[in-house]
Amino acid sequence: MPEARLICLDEQHAAAVTEEATRPGDDVHTVRQEGAVVVIGYFDKRWPLNVADWAGENGHASDSAAARVIAQL
């Protein structure tokens, strides 16, 4: 499964993104935290785009960090 890495402002912000984006029972669109980074596993490219967009809009990641995830897709 492809993965995208979103660098958050710190570990607490990454935890907030991981908590918000966790989808119990969905083993295709996943998130996991590695320190201040959220690793987003996906089948549909809209999933990491949505996670990164939400994180940026809610102040958990910088606009440039969210844009890097979107540009990778």
Protein backbone atom coordinates (compact mmCIF):
# COMPACT_ATOMS: atom_id res chain seq x y z
CA MET A 1 0.00 0.00 0.00
CA PRO A 2 1.40 3.46 -0.84
CA GLU A 3 2.12 5.82 2.03
CA ALA A 4 2.44 9.57 2.43
CA ARG A 5 4.21 11.24 5.35
CA LEU A 6 2.78 14.39 6.92
CA ILE A 7 5.13 16.32 9.20
CA CYS A 8 3.12 17.91 11.99
CA LEU A 9 4.14 20.75 14.29
CA ASP A 10 4.97 18.35 17.13
CA GLU A 11 4.01 14.98 18.59
CA GLN A 12 0.84 16.31 20.22
CA HIS A 13 -0.41 17.69 16.91
CA ALA A 14 0.43 14.41 15.18
CA ALA A 15 -1.56 12.58 17.86
CA ALA A 16 -4.56 14.84 17.21
CA VAL A 17 -4.38 14.16 13.46
CA THR A 18 -4.03 10.42 14.04
CA GLU A 19 -7.00 10.39 16.42
CA GLU A 20 -9.20 12.38 14.04
CA ALA A 21 -8.25 10.35 10.95
CA THR A 22 -8.38 6.84 12.43
CA ARG A 23 -11.05 4.76 10.72
CA PRO A 24 -11.70 1.61 12.75
CA GLY A 25 -12.10 -1.41 10.52
CA ASP A 26 -10.60 0.28 7.44
CA ASP A 27 -7.35 -1.51 6.63
CA VAL A 28 -6.94 0.26 3.28
CA HIS A 29 -6.93 3.89 4.43
CA THR A 30 -4.82 4.08 7.58
CA VAL A 31 -2.87 6.49 9.74
CA ARG A 32 -0.17 5.86 12.28
CA GLN A 33 2.03 8.17 14.27
CA GLU A 34 5.83 8.12 14.23
CA GLY A 35 6.83 10.95 16.55
CA ALA A 36 5.77 14.23 14.94
CA VAL A 37 5.01 12.48 11.62
CA VAL A 38 1.70 10.97 10.56
CA VAL A 39 2.12 8.12 8.08
CA ILE A 40 -0.95 7.88 5.86
CA GLY A 41 -1.56 4.59 4.06
CA TYR A 42 -4.00 4.76 1.17
CA PHE A 43 -5.61 3.15 -1.84
CA ASP A 44 -7.58 6.24 -2.89
CA LYS A 45 -5.41 9.36 -3.28
CA ARG A 46 -8.18 11.53 -1.86
CA TRP A 47 -7.52 10.04 1.61
CA PRO A 48 -4.05 11.56 2.22
CA LEU A 49 -5.21 14.76 0.52
CA ASN A 50 -8.12 15.02 2.96
CA VAL A 51 -5.97 14.22 6.00
CA ALA A 52 -3.29 16.74 5.03
CA ASP A 53 -5.86 19.40 4.18
CA TRP A 54 -7.66 18.92 7.51
CA ALA A 55 -4.37 19.00 9.46
CA GLY A 56 -3.32 22.23 7.77
CA GLU A 57 -6.68 23.93 8.22
CA ASN A 58 -6.79 23.00 11.92
CA GLY A 59 -3.25 24.14 12.71
CA HIS A 60 -1.70 20.72 13.25
CA ALA A 61 0.68 20.99 10.27
CA SER A 62 2.09 23.95 8.40
CA ASP A 63 0.61 24.85 5.04
CA SER A 64 3.90 23.88 3.37
CA ALA A 65 3.92 20.45 5.06
CA ALA A 66 0.34 19.81 3.94
CA ALA A 67 1.21 21.02 0.43
CA ARG A 68 4.16 18.58 0.26
CA VAL A 69 1.81 15.66 0.90
CA ILE A 70 -0.61 16.91 -1.75
CA ALA A 71 2.24 17.43 -4.25
CA GLN A 72 3.45 13.83 -3.70
CA LEU A 73 0.14 12.50 -4.95
